[in-house]
């Protein structure tokens, strides 16, 4: 594999597979424990990332996002594993959005919205890490919250 693989001490693909295969137990279940509302679960997951950024003085970077940014283009097997990780993350968010159902307009593309949530999180982590300022994360997630609130308001207005 590429040189970044050895610098992160991830033997072959097993480290990336472990992260992918244990996402629920390592990340989702602890974030969602005791939270019934599906949109609150989305923001609880983002709050876990925020905590990682905050407790490391904004040095934390999502390991999969960092690998994806450093990926050598000619390494399709690694790129495939990274894509699987992102797909698992967005599938979990998509399940929350699907559960929220009628709280969004019927025309809402929930798959694209789940990808947008991931993109917001990854970009927010990158900005906070670059500036060593968790405020970048907070502002991005705040705007995501505003957007979801607007979608909910639109659905409510059309339903009444």
N, C-alpha and C. Protein backbone atom coordinates (compact mmCIF):
# COMPACT_ATOMS: atom_id res chain seq x y z
N UNK A 1 0.84 -1.19 0.00
CA UNK A 1 0.00 0.00 0.00
C UNK A 1 0.88 1.25 0.00
N UNK A 2 0.27 2.41 0.11
CA UNK A 2 1.01 3.67 0.10
C UNK A 2 1.75 3.91 1.39
N UNK A 3 2.58 4.92 1.41
CA UNK A 3 3.38 5.20 2.59
C UNK A 3 2.55 5.65 3.77
N UNK A 4 1.42 6.31 3.53
CA UNK A 4 0.59 6.76 4.65
C UNK A 4 0.08 5.61 5.46
N UNK A 5 -0.08 4.44 4.86
CA UNK A 5 -0.57 3.26 5.56
C UNK A 5 0.39 2.89 6.69
N UNK A 6 1.66 2.88 6.40
CA UNK A 6 2.63 2.50 7.42
C UNK A 6 2.83 3.59 8.46
N UNK A 7 2.69 4.84 8.08
CA UNK A 7 2.90 5.91 9.06
C UNK A 7 1.78 5.96 10.08
N UNK A 8 0.62 5.43 9.75
CA UNK A 8 -0.49 5.40 10.70
C UNK A 8 -0.60 4.06 11.41
N UNK A 9 0.35 3.17 11.17
CA UNK A 9 0.39 1.85 11.80
C UNK A 9 -0.89 1.07 11.57
N UNK A 10 -1.43 1.16 10.37
CA UNK A 10 -2.59 0.37 10.02
C UNK A 10 -2.11 -0.75 9.10
N UNK A 11 -1.94 -1.95 9.62
CA UNK A 11 -1.42 -3.02 8.78
C UNK A 11 -2.38 -3.34 7.65
N UNK A 12 -1.87 -3.26 6.45
CA UNK A 12 -2.62 -3.53 5.22
C UNK A 12 -3.97 -2.84 5.31
N UNK A 13 -5.04 -3.54 5.04
CA UNK A 13 -6.37 -2.93 5.06
C UNK A 13 -7.11 -3.20 6.36
N UNK A 14 -6.54 -4.00 7.26
CA UNK A 14 -7.25 -4.43 8.45
C UNK A 14 -7.67 -3.26 9.34
N UNK A 15 -6.84 -2.23 9.49
CA UNK A 15 -7.19 -1.10 10.34
C UNK A 15 -8.40 -0.37 9.80
N UNK A 16 -8.45 -0.17 8.51
CA UNK A 16 -9.59 0.51 7.90
C UNK A 16 -10.83 -0.36 7.96
N UNK A 17 -10.66 -1.68 7.83
CA UNK A 17 -11.79 -2.59 7.93
C UNK A 17 -12.34 -2.62 9.35
N UNK A 18 -11.46 -2.59 10.34
CA UNK A 18 -11.90 -2.57 11.74
C UNK A 18 -12.74 -1.33 12.01
N UNK A 19 -12.28 -0.19 11.55
CA UNK A 19 -13.03 1.06 11.74
C UNK A 19 -14.39 0.95 11.07
N UNK A 20 -14.42 0.45 9.84
CA UNK A 20 -15.67 0.30 9.10
C UNK A 20 -16.60 -0.68 9.80
N UNK A 21 -16.09 -1.83 10.20
CA UNK A 21 -16.91 -2.90 10.75
C UNK A 21 -17.40 -2.61 12.17
N UNK A 22 -16.75 -1.71 12.87
CA UNK A 22 -17.13 -1.42 14.26
C UNK A 22 -17.67 -0.01 14.45
N UNK A 23 -18.05 0.64 13.36
CA UNK A 23 -18.54 2.01 13.45
C UNK A 23 -19.72 2.12 14.42
N UNK A 24 -20.64 1.18 14.35
CA UNK A 24 -21.82 1.25 15.22
C UNK A 24 -21.42 1.19 16.69
N UNK A 25 -20.60 0.21 17.06
CA UNK A 25 -20.25 0.06 18.47
C UNK A 25 -19.28 1.12 18.96
N UNK A 26 -18.39 1.60 18.09
CA UNK A 26 -17.38 2.58 18.51
C UNK A 26 -17.90 4.02 18.49
N UNK A 27 -18.84 4.30 17.59
CA UNK A 27 -19.20 5.69 17.35
C UNK A 27 -20.70 5.95 17.52
N UNK A 28 -21.51 5.19 16.80
CA UNK A 28 -22.95 5.49 16.78
C UNK A 28 -23.65 5.17 18.10
N UNK A 29 -23.48 3.96 18.59
CA UNK A 29 -24.19 3.56 19.81
C UNK A 29 -23.87 4.45 21.01
N UNK A 30 -22.59 4.78 21.25
CA UNK A 30 -22.32 5.69 22.38
C UNK A 30 -22.93 7.07 22.17
N UNK A 31 -22.92 7.56 20.95
CA UNK A 31 -23.47 8.90 20.68
C UNK A 31 -24.98 8.91 20.81
N UNK A 32 -25.62 7.82 20.45
CA UNK A 32 -27.09 7.78 20.38
C UNK A 32 -27.75 7.19 21.62
N UNK A 33 -26.96 6.77 22.58
CA UNK A 33 -27.52 6.14 23.77
C UNK A 33 -28.52 7.06 24.45
N UNK A 34 -29.74 6.58 24.61
CA UNK A 34 -30.79 7.33 25.29
C UNK A 34 -31.43 8.44 24.48
N UNK A 35 -31.11 8.56 23.21
CA UNK A 35 -31.68 9.62 22.38
C UNK A 35 -32.68 9.01 21.41
N UNK A 36 -33.94 9.37 21.57
CA UNK A 36 -35.01 8.78 20.75
C UNK A 36 -35.25 9.55 19.45
N UNK A 37 -35.15 10.87 19.50
CA UNK A 37 -35.47 11.67 18.32
C UNK A 37 -34.40 11.47 17.24
N UNK A 38 -34.80 11.13 16.01
CA UNK A 38 -33.80 10.84 14.97
C UNK A 38 -32.92 12.04 14.60
N UNK A 39 -33.46 13.24 14.59
CA UNK A 39 -32.62 14.40 14.27
C UNK A 39 -31.71 14.76 15.43
N UNK A 40 -32.17 14.55 16.64
CA UNK A 40 -31.28 14.74 17.79
C UNK A 40 -30.12 13.75 17.75
N UNK A 41 -30.35 12.53 17.21
CA UNK A 41 -29.26 11.56 17.07
C UNK A 41 -28.21 12.07 16.08
N UNK A 42 -28.67 12.69 14.99
CA UNK A 42 -27.71 13.25 14.02
C UNK A 42 -26.80 14.26 14.72
N UNK A 43 -27.40 15.15 15.49
CA UNK A 43 -26.61 16.20 16.14
C UNK A 43 -25.82 15.67 17.32
N UNK A 44 -26.27 14.58 17.94
CA UNK A 44 -25.48 13.94 18.99
C UNK A 44 -24.21 13.34 18.41
N UNK A 45 -24.31 12.77 17.22
CA UNK A 45 -23.12 12.24 16.55
C UNK A 45 -22.15 13.36 16.22
N UNK A 46 -22.67 14.46 15.72
CA UNK A 46 -21.81 15.61 15.43
C UNK A 46 -21.19 16.16 16.72
N UNK A 47 -21.94 16.10 17.81
CA UNK A 47 -21.41 16.57 19.10
C UNK A 47 -20.24 15.71 19.56
N UNK A 48 -20.27 14.41 19.24
CA UNK A 48 -19.12 13.55 19.59
C UNK A 48 -17.88 13.99 18.83
N UNK A 49 -18.05 14.31 17.56
CA UNK A 49 -16.91 14.82 16.79
C UNK A 49 -16.44 16.15 17.37
N UNK A 50 -17.39 17.00 17.75
CA UNK A 50 -17.02 18.29 18.33
C UNK A 50 -16.19 18.09 19.60
N UNK A 51 -16.62 17.14 20.43
CA UNK A 51 -15.87 16.86 21.65
C UNK A 51 -14.43 16.44 21.34
N UNK A 52 -14.27 15.63 20.30
CA UNK A 52 -12.91 15.22 19.90
C UNK A 52 -12.09 16.42 19.45
N UNK A 53 -12.71 17.31 18.71
CA UNK A 53 -12.02 18.52 18.27
C UNK A 53 -11.66 19.37 19.47
N UNK A 54 -12.62 19.57 20.36
CA UNK A 54 -12.43 20.45 21.50
C UNK A 54 -11.39 19.91 22.49
N UNK A 55 -11.47 18.63 22.80
CA UNK A 55 -10.56 18.07 23.81
C UNK A 55 -9.13 17.92 23.31
N UNK A 56 -8.93 18.05 22.00
CA UNK A 56 -7.56 17.97 21.46
C UNK A 56 -7.05 19.35 21.04
N UNK A 57 -7.70 20.40 21.53
CA UNK A 57 -7.35 21.77 21.13
C UNK A 57 -7.35 21.90 19.61
N UNK A 58 -8.37 21.29 19.00
CA UNK A 58 -8.62 21.34 17.56
C UNK A 58 -7.51 20.67 16.74
N UNK A 59 -6.82 19.72 17.35
CA UNK A 59 -5.81 18.96 16.60
C UNK A 59 -6.42 17.71 15.98
N UNK A 60 -7.59 17.29 16.46
CA UNK A 60 -8.23 16.07 15.95
C UNK A 60 -8.62 16.24 14.49
N UNK A 61 -8.39 15.18 13.75
CA UNK A 61 -8.88 15.09 12.37
C UNK A 61 -9.51 13.73 12.20
N UNK A 62 -10.65 13.67 11.55
CA UNK A 62 -11.31 12.39 11.31
C UNK A 62 -10.32 11.46 10.61
N UNK A 63 -10.05 10.29 11.17
CA UNK A 63 -9.04 9.42 10.57
C UNK A 63 -9.37 9.00 9.13
N UNK A 64 -10.61 8.74 8.85
CA UNK A 64 -10.98 8.33 7.49
C UNK A 64 -10.91 9.53 6.55
N UNK A 65 -11.38 10.68 7.00
CA UNK A 65 -11.27 11.89 6.18
C UNK A 65 -9.83 12.25 5.89
N UNK A 66 -8.98 12.12 6.90
CA UNK A 66 -7.56 12.42 6.71
C UNK A 66 -6.93 11.47 5.70
N UNK A 67 -7.26 10.19 5.81
CA UNK A 67 -6.74 9.22 4.85
C UNK A 67 -7.23 9.51 3.44
N UNK A 68 -8.50 9.86 3.33
CA UNK A 68 -9.07 10.14 2.01
C UNK A 68 -8.36 11.33 1.35
N UNK A 69 -8.04 12.35 2.14
CA UNK A 69 -7.34 13.51 1.60
C UNK A 69 -5.93 13.17 1.14
N UNK A 70 -5.29 12.22 1.80
CA UNK A 70 -3.92 11.85 1.47
C UNK A 70 -3.82 10.72 0.46
N UNK A 71 -4.94 10.17 0.07
CA UNK A 71 -4.98 8.99 -0.78
C UNK A 71 -4.26 9.21 -2.11
N UNK A 72 -3.44 8.25 -2.43
CA UNK A 72 -2.79 8.24 -3.74
C UNK A 72 -3.81 7.72 -4.75
N UNK A 73 -4.06 8.46 -5.78
CA UNK A 73 -5.08 8.11 -6.77
C UNK A 73 -4.97 6.69 -7.31
N UNK A 74 -3.76 6.16 -7.56
CA UNK A 74 -3.69 4.82 -8.15
C UNK A 74 -3.95 3.68 -7.17
N UNK A 75 -4.52 3.91 -6.02
CA UNK A 75 -4.71 2.86 -5.04
C UNK A 75 -6.20 2.54 -4.88
N UNK A 76 -6.81 1.88 -5.88
CA UNK A 76 -8.26 1.68 -5.86
C UNK A 76 -8.76 0.82 -4.71
N UNK A 77 -8.00 -0.14 -4.22
CA UNK A 77 -8.50 -0.98 -3.13
C UNK A 77 -8.65 -0.17 -1.84
N UNK A 78 -7.72 0.71 -1.57
CA UNK A 78 -7.82 1.55 -0.38
C UNK A 78 -8.94 2.56 -0.55
N UNK A 79 -9.02 3.15 -1.74
CA UNK A 79 -10.09 4.11 -2.01
C UNK A 79 -11.45 3.44 -1.81
N UNK A 80 -11.58 2.19 -2.21
CA UNK A 80 -12.83 1.44 -2.04
C UNK A 80 -13.17 1.27 -0.55
N UNK A 81 -12.17 0.93 0.27
CA UNK A 81 -12.42 0.78 1.71
C UNK A 81 -12.81 2.11 2.35
N UNK A 82 -12.16 3.18 1.94
CA UNK A 82 -12.52 4.50 2.46
C UNK A 82 -13.95 4.86 2.07
N UNK A 83 -14.30 4.57 0.83
CA UNK A 83 -15.66 4.85 0.36
C UNK A 83 -16.67 4.04 1.16
N UNK A 84 -16.35 2.80 1.48
CA UNK A 84 -17.25 1.99 2.30
C UNK A 84 -17.46 2.61 3.68
N UNK A 85 -16.40 3.17 4.25
CA UNK A 85 -16.54 3.84 5.55
C UNK A 85 -17.48 5.04 5.44
N UNK A 86 -17.29 5.87 4.42
CA UNK A 86 -18.17 7.02 4.23
C UNK A 86 -19.60 6.57 3.95
N UNK A 87 -19.76 5.51 3.18
CA UNK A 87 -21.10 5.00 2.88
C UNK A 87 -21.79 4.49 4.14
N UNK A 88 -21.04 3.83 5.02
CA UNK A 88 -21.62 3.38 6.29
C UNK A 88 -22.07 4.54 7.15
N UNK A 89 -21.25 5.59 7.19
CA UNK A 89 -21.57 6.78 7.98
C UNK A 89 -22.83 7.43 7.42
N UNK A 90 -22.88 7.63 6.10
CA UNK A 90 -24.05 8.28 5.51
C UNK A 90 -25.29 7.40 5.60
N UNK A 91 -25.13 6.08 5.55
CA UNK A 91 -26.29 5.19 5.71
C UNK A 91 -26.89 5.33 7.11
N UNK A 92 -26.05 5.48 8.11
CA UNK A 92 -26.55 5.67 9.48
C UNK A 92 -27.31 6.99 9.59
N UNK A 93 -26.77 8.04 8.99
CA UNK A 93 -27.46 9.33 9.01
C UNK A 93 -28.73 9.25 8.19
N UNK A 94 -28.67 8.60 7.04
CA UNK A 94 -29.85 8.44 6.18
C UNK A 94 -30.97 7.73 6.95
N UNK A 95 -30.63 6.73 7.73
CA UNK A 95 -31.64 6.03 8.53
C UNK A 95 -32.33 7.00 9.50
N UNK A 96 -31.56 7.90 10.09
CA UNK A 96 -32.16 8.91 10.98
C UNK A 96 -33.08 9.82 10.19
N UNK A 97 -32.64 10.27 9.02
CA UNK A 97 -33.45 11.16 8.19
C UNK A 97 -34.72 10.47 7.71
N UNK A 98 -34.60 9.19 7.36
CA UNK A 98 -35.78 8.42 6.96
C UNK A 98 -36.76 8.29 8.11
N UNK A 99 -36.23 8.07 9.30
CA UNK A 99 -37.09 7.95 10.48
C UNK A 99 -37.80 9.28 10.77
N UNK A 100 -37.15 10.39 10.47
CA UNK A 100 -37.78 11.70 10.67
C UNK A 100 -38.91 11.91 9.66
N UNK A 101 -38.86 11.19 8.55
CA UNK A 101 -39.93 11.12 7.57
C UNK A 101 -40.61 12.41 7.20
N UNK A 102 -41.84 12.56 7.64
CA UNK A 102 -42.70 13.68 7.24
C UNK A 102 -42.23 15.02 7.79
N UNK A 103 -41.21 15.04 8.58
CA UNK A 103 -40.69 16.31 9.10
C UNK A 103 -39.95 17.08 8.02
N UNK A 104 -39.72 16.44 6.87
CA UNK A 104 -39.08 17.08 5.72
C UNK A 104 -40.06 17.11 4.56
N UNK A 105 -39.88 18.05 3.64
CA UNK A 105 -40.73 18.04 2.45
C UNK A 105 -40.58 16.70 1.71
N UNK A 106 -41.63 16.29 1.05
CA UNK A 106 -41.62 15.01 0.33
C UNK A 106 -40.55 14.96 -0.74
N UNK A 107 -40.18 16.11 -1.27
CA UNK A 107 -39.18 16.17 -2.34
C UNK A 107 -37.74 16.11 -1.83
N UNK A 108 -37.53 16.06 -0.53
CA UNK A 108 -36.19 16.04 0.04
C UNK A 108 -35.46 14.77 -0.37
N UNK A 109 -34.29 14.92 -0.92
CA UNK A 109 -33.43 13.78 -1.27
C UNK A 109 -32.63 13.43 -0.02
N UNK A 110 -33.12 12.45 0.72
CA UNK A 110 -32.50 12.13 2.00
C UNK A 110 -31.10 11.54 1.85
N UNK A 111 -30.85 10.85 0.76
CA UNK A 111 -29.49 10.33 0.53
C UNK A 111 -28.51 11.48 0.34
N UNK A 112 -28.91 12.46 -0.47
CA UNK A 112 -28.05 13.63 -0.68
C UNK A 112 -27.91 14.44 0.61
N UNK A 113 -28.98 14.52 1.39
CA UNK A 113 -28.93 15.25 2.65
C UNK A 113 -27.97 14.56 3.62
N UNK A 114 -27.98 13.23 3.66
CA UNK A 114 -27.04 12.49 4.51
C UNK A 114 -25.60 12.76 4.08
N UNK A 115 -25.36 12.81 2.77
CA UNK A 115 -24.02 13.14 2.27
C UNK A 115 -23.64 14.56 2.66
N UNK A 116 -24.60 15.46 2.64
CA UNK A 116 -24.36 16.86 3.02
C UNK A 116 -23.97 16.95 4.50
N UNK A 117 -24.63 16.15 5.34
CA UNK A 117 -24.28 16.13 6.76
C UNK A 117 -22.84 15.67 6.93
N UNK A 118 -22.44 14.61 6.23
CA UNK A 118 -21.05 14.13 6.30
C UNK A 118 -20.09 15.19 5.79
N UNK A 119 -20.42 15.81 4.68
CA UNK A 119 -19.56 16.85 4.12
C UNK A 119 -19.41 18.02 5.08
N UNK A 120 -20.49 18.39 5.73
CA UNK A 120 -20.44 19.47 6.72
C UNK A 120 -19.52 19.08 7.87
N UNK A 121 -19.67 17.87 8.37
CA UNK A 121 -18.85 17.42 9.49
C UNK A 121 -17.37 17.39 9.09
N UNK A 122 -17.08 16.75 7.95
CA UNK A 122 -15.67 16.65 7.53
C UNK A 122 -15.06 18.03 7.29
N UNK A 123 -15.81 18.91 6.63
CA UNK A 123 -15.31 20.25 6.38
C UNK A 123 -15.15 21.04 7.67
N UNK A 124 -16.08 20.86 8.59
CA UNK A 124 -15.99 21.56 9.87
C UNK A 124 -14.77 21.11 10.67
N UNK A 125 -14.52 19.81 10.67
CA UNK A 125 -13.34 19.28 11.36
C UNK A 125 -12.07 19.85 10.71
N UNK A 126 -12.05 19.85 9.38
CA UNK A 126 -10.87 20.35 8.65
C UNK A 126 -10.63 21.83 8.96
N UNK A 127 -11.68 22.64 8.95
CA UNK A 127 -11.53 24.07 9.23
C UNK A 127 -11.08 24.30 10.67
N UNK A 128 -11.72 23.60 11.61
CA UNK A 128 -11.35 23.77 13.02
C UNK A 128 -9.90 23.36 13.25
N UNK A 129 -9.50 22.28 12.62
CA UNK A 129 -8.13 21.80 12.78
C UNK A 129 -7.13 22.79 12.16
N UNK A 130 -7.46 23.30 10.99
CA UNK A 130 -6.57 24.25 10.32
C UNK A 130 -6.38 25.52 11.14
N UNK A 131 -7.49 26.03 11.67
CA UNK A 131 -7.44 27.29 12.43
C UNK A 131 -7.21 27.09 13.92
N UNK A 132 -7.18 25.81 14.35
CA UNK A 132 -7.07 25.48 15.77
C UNK A 132 -8.12 26.26 16.57
N UNK A 133 -9.37 26.16 16.06
CA UNK A 133 -10.47 26.92 16.65
C UNK A 133 -11.76 26.13 16.44
N UNK A 134 -12.33 25.59 17.53
CA UNK A 134 -13.55 24.80 17.46
C UNK A 134 -14.75 25.63 16.99
N UNK A 135 -14.62 26.94 17.00
CA UNK A 135 -15.69 27.81 16.52
C UNK A 135 -16.06 27.54 15.07
N UNK A 136 -15.08 27.14 14.27
CA UNK A 136 -15.37 26.80 12.87
C UNK A 136 -16.31 25.61 12.80
N UNK A 137 -16.09 24.63 13.66
CA UNK A 137 -16.97 23.47 13.73
C UNK A 137 -18.36 23.90 14.18
N UNK A 138 -18.41 24.69 15.24
CA UNK A 138 -19.69 25.13 15.79
C UNK A 138 -20.52 25.90 14.77
N UNK A 139 -19.88 26.80 14.03
CA UNK A 139 -20.63 27.60 13.04
C UNK A 139 -21.15 26.73 11.91
N UNK A 140 -20.35 25.79 11.44
CA UNK A 140 -20.80 24.92 10.36
C UNK A 140 -21.99 24.06 10.80
N UNK A 141 -21.89 23.47 11.97
CA UNK A 141 -22.97 22.63 12.48
C UNK A 141 -24.20 23.49 12.80
N UNK A 142 -23.99 24.71 13.25
CA UNK A 142 -25.11 25.62 13.48
C UNK A 142 -25.86 25.92 12.19
N UNK A 143 -25.13 26.12 11.11
CA UNK A 143 -25.79 26.37 9.82
C UNK A 143 -26.50 25.12 9.31
N UNK A 144 -25.93 23.96 9.57
CA UNK A 144 -26.62 22.71 9.22
C UNK A 144 -27.93 22.61 10.00
N UNK A 145 -27.89 22.94 11.27
CA UNK A 145 -29.11 22.92 12.10
C UNK A 145 -30.13 23.90 11.52
N UNK A 146 -29.70 25.11 11.15
CA UNK A 146 -30.62 26.08 10.55
C UNK A 146 -31.25 25.53 9.28
N UNK A 147 -30.46 24.87 8.45
CA UNK A 147 -30.97 24.31 7.20
C UNK A 147 -32.03 23.23 7.47
N UNK A 148 -31.73 22.33 8.39
CA UNK A 148 -32.71 21.29 8.70
C UNK A 148 -33.97 21.89 9.31
N UNK A 149 -33.83 22.93 10.12
CA UNK A 149 -35.00 23.63 10.68
C UNK A 149 -35.84 24.24 9.56
N UNK A 150 -35.17 24.82 8.56
CA UNK A 150 -35.90 25.39 7.42
C UNK A 150 -36.66 24.32 6.64
N UNK A 151 -36.03 23.17 6.45
CA UNK A 151 -36.72 22.07 5.77
C UNK A 151 -37.94 21.63 6.57
N UNK A 152 -37.79 21.53 7.88
CA UNK A 152 -38.93 21.15 8.73
C UNK A 152 -40.04 22.19 8.66
N UNK A 153 -39.67 23.47 8.68
CA UNK A 153 -40.67 24.54 8.59
C UNK A 153 -41.39 24.48 7.26
N UNK A 154 -40.68 24.21 6.20
CA UNK A 154 -41.30 24.09 4.87
C UNK A 154 -42.30 22.94 4.84
N UNK A 155 -41.94 21.82 5.42
CA UNK A 155 -42.83 20.66 5.46
C UNK A 155 -44.07 20.97 6.28
N UNK A 156 -43.89 21.67 7.39
CA UNK A 156 -45.02 22.03 8.24
C UNK A 156 -45.94 23.01 7.52
N UNK A 157 -45.38 23.99 6.85
CA UNK A 157 -46.19 24.99 6.13
C UNK A 157 -47.00 24.35 5.02
N UNK A 158 -46.44 23.41 4.33
CA UNK A 158 -47.16 22.73 3.24
C UNK A 158 -48.20 21.77 3.77
N UNK A 159 -47.97 21.28 4.98
CA UNK A 159 -48.92 20.33 5.57
C UNK A 159 -50.13 21.00 6.20
N UNK A 160 -50.04 22.32 6.43
CA UNK A 160 -51.17 22.99 7.10
C UNK A 160 -52.07 23.71 6.15
